[in-house]
Amino acid sequence: MLLKTVGNVTSGSQLERFDVRQFAAGVYFLEMRDDKQTITRKVLISH
């Protein structure tokens, strides 16, 4: 499992880059949380 805490961010669009080279190709799930909600998105990694 990869866990990265971003910290405080302002509202609006945000961009965060992850180095996924160490992960095998496949489907993964990205979970984003704040105090009020959790959002899960499917991510496809292909090399």
N, C-alpha and C. Protein backbone atom coordinates (compact mmCIF):
# COMPACT_ATOMS: atom_id res chain seq x y z
N MET A 1 0.84 -1.17 0.00
CA MET A 1 0.00 0.00 0.00
C MET A 1 0.89 1.23 0.00
N LEU A 2 0.52 2.20 -0.80
CA LEU A 2 1.20 3.49 -0.85
C LEU A 2 0.34 4.48 -0.09
N LEU A 3 0.95 5.15 0.86
CA LEU A 3 0.22 6.16 1.63
C LEU A 3 0.99 7.46 1.54
N LYS A 4 0.32 8.50 1.09
CA LYS A 4 0.97 9.80 0.99
C LYS A 4 0.02 10.84 1.58
N THR A 5 0.46 11.53 2.59
CA THR A 5 -0.32 12.59 3.20
C THR A 5 0.10 13.90 2.57
N VAL A 6 -0.85 14.61 2.00
CA VAL A 6 -0.55 15.85 1.30
C VAL A 6 -0.56 17.03 2.25
N GLY A 7 -1.42 17.04 3.24
CA GLY A 7 -1.50 18.17 4.17
C GLY A 7 -2.62 19.11 3.79
N ASN A 8 -2.56 20.31 4.29
CA ASN A 8 -3.62 21.29 4.03
C ASN A 8 -3.50 21.83 2.61
N VAL A 9 -4.62 21.83 1.90
CA VAL A 9 -4.67 22.39 0.55
C VAL A 9 -5.87 23.32 0.46
N THR A 10 -5.82 24.24 -0.48
CA THR A 10 -6.92 25.16 -0.68
C THR A 10 -8.00 24.48 -1.52
N SER A 11 -9.19 25.03 -1.52
CA SER A 11 -10.26 24.47 -2.33
C SER A 11 -9.96 24.69 -3.81
N GLY A 12 -10.57 23.87 -4.64
CA GLY A 12 -10.36 23.97 -6.09
C GLY A 12 -9.55 22.79 -6.59
N SER A 13 -9.08 22.91 -7.80
CA SER A 13 -8.31 21.83 -8.43
C SER A 13 -6.92 21.72 -7.82
N GLN A 14 -6.49 20.48 -7.62
CA GLN A 14 -5.16 20.21 -7.07
C GLN A 14 -4.49 19.18 -7.96
N LEU A 15 -3.18 19.23 -8.05
CA LEU A 15 -2.40 18.25 -8.82
C LEU A 15 -1.34 17.65 -7.91
N GLU A 16 -1.31 16.34 -7.84
CA GLU A 16 -0.31 15.64 -7.05
C GLU A 16 0.24 14.52 -7.92
N ARG A 17 1.55 14.43 -8.02
CA ARG A 17 2.19 13.40 -8.86
C ARG A 17 2.71 12.27 -7.99
N PHE A 18 2.55 11.05 -8.50
CA PHE A 18 3.04 9.86 -7.82
C PHE A 18 3.94 9.09 -8.76
N ASP A 19 5.06 8.61 -8.26
CA ASP A 19 5.95 7.75 -9.04
C ASP A 19 5.44 6.32 -8.91
N VAL A 20 4.87 5.79 -9.98
CA VAL A 20 4.25 4.46 -9.94
C VAL A 20 5.11 3.39 -10.61
N ARG A 21 6.35 3.72 -10.91
CA ARG A 21 7.21 2.75 -11.61
C ARG A 21 7.43 1.48 -10.82
N GLN A 22 7.35 1.54 -9.50
CA GLN A 22 7.58 0.35 -8.68
C GLN A 22 6.37 -0.57 -8.62
N PHE A 23 5.23 -0.14 -9.17
CA PHE A 23 4.01 -0.94 -9.16
C PHE A 23 3.87 -1.71 -10.46
N ALA A 24 3.37 -2.92 -10.36
CA ALA A 24 3.09 -3.71 -11.56
C ALA A 24 1.92 -3.08 -12.32
N ALA A 25 1.88 -3.31 -13.63
CA ALA A 25 0.76 -2.83 -14.42
C ALA A 25 -0.53 -3.47 -13.90
N GLY A 26 -1.59 -2.71 -13.89
CA GLY A 26 -2.87 -3.24 -13.42
C GLY A 26 -3.80 -2.13 -12.99
N VAL A 27 -4.89 -2.53 -12.36
CA VAL A 27 -5.90 -1.59 -11.87
C VAL A 27 -5.70 -1.40 -10.37
N TYR A 28 -5.67 -0.15 -9.95
CA TYR A 28 -5.51 0.20 -8.55
C TYR A 28 -6.62 1.17 -8.18
N PHE A 29 -6.81 1.38 -6.88
CA PHE A 29 -7.82 2.32 -6.41
C PHE A 29 -7.14 3.42 -5.61
N LEU A 30 -7.47 4.65 -5.92
CA LEU A 30 -6.94 5.83 -5.25
C LEU A 30 -8.03 6.35 -4.33
N GLU A 31 -7.70 6.50 -3.05
CA GLU A 31 -8.68 6.98 -2.09
C GLU A 31 -8.22 8.34 -1.56
N MET A 32 -9.12 9.32 -1.64
CA MET A 32 -8.84 10.67 -1.16
C MET A 32 -9.83 10.97 -0.05
N ARG A 33 -9.31 11.46 1.08
CA ARG A 33 -10.18 11.71 2.24
C ARG A 33 -9.96 13.11 2.79
N ASP A 34 -11.03 13.66 3.33
CA ASP A 34 -10.94 14.84 4.16
C ASP A 34 -11.84 14.62 5.37
N ASP A 35 -12.11 15.66 6.11
CA ASP A 35 -12.91 15.51 7.33
C ASP A 35 -14.35 15.10 7.06
N LYS A 36 -14.85 15.38 5.84
CA LYS A 36 -16.27 15.18 5.56
C LYS A 36 -16.58 14.07 4.58
N GLN A 37 -15.62 13.65 3.76
CA GLN A 37 -15.94 12.67 2.73
C GLN A 37 -14.73 11.85 2.33
N THR A 38 -15.01 10.73 1.69
CA THR A 38 -13.99 9.88 1.09
C THR A 38 -14.37 9.65 -0.36
N ILE A 39 -13.42 9.87 -1.26
CA ILE A 39 -13.65 9.67 -2.69
C ILE A 39 -12.68 8.60 -3.17
N THR A 40 -13.20 7.61 -3.89
CA THR A 40 -12.37 6.54 -4.42
C THR A 40 -12.45 6.57 -5.94
N ARG A 41 -11.29 6.49 -6.59
CA ARG A 41 -11.22 6.48 -8.06
C ARG A 41 -10.35 5.30 -8.50
N LYS A 42 -10.74 4.72 -9.62
CA LYS A 42 -9.98 3.63 -10.21
C LYS A 42 -8.85 4.23 -11.06
N VAL A 43 -7.64 3.66 -10.94
CA VAL A 43 -6.47 4.14 -11.69
C VAL A 43 -5.89 2.95 -12.43
N LEU A 44 -5.60 3.13 -13.73
CA LEU A 44 -4.99 2.09 -14.53
C LEU A 44 -3.53 2.43 -14.74
N ILE A 45 -2.64 1.52 -14.37
CA ILE A 45 -1.20 1.70 -14.57
C ILE A 45 -0.77 0.74 -15.67
N SER A 46 -0.16 1.29 -16.72
CA SER A 46 0.40 0.47 -17.79
C SER A 46 1.79 0.99 -18.10
N HIS A 47 2.69 0.09 -18.38
CA HIS A 47 4.08 0.49 -18.62
C HIS A 47 4.44 0.22 -20.07
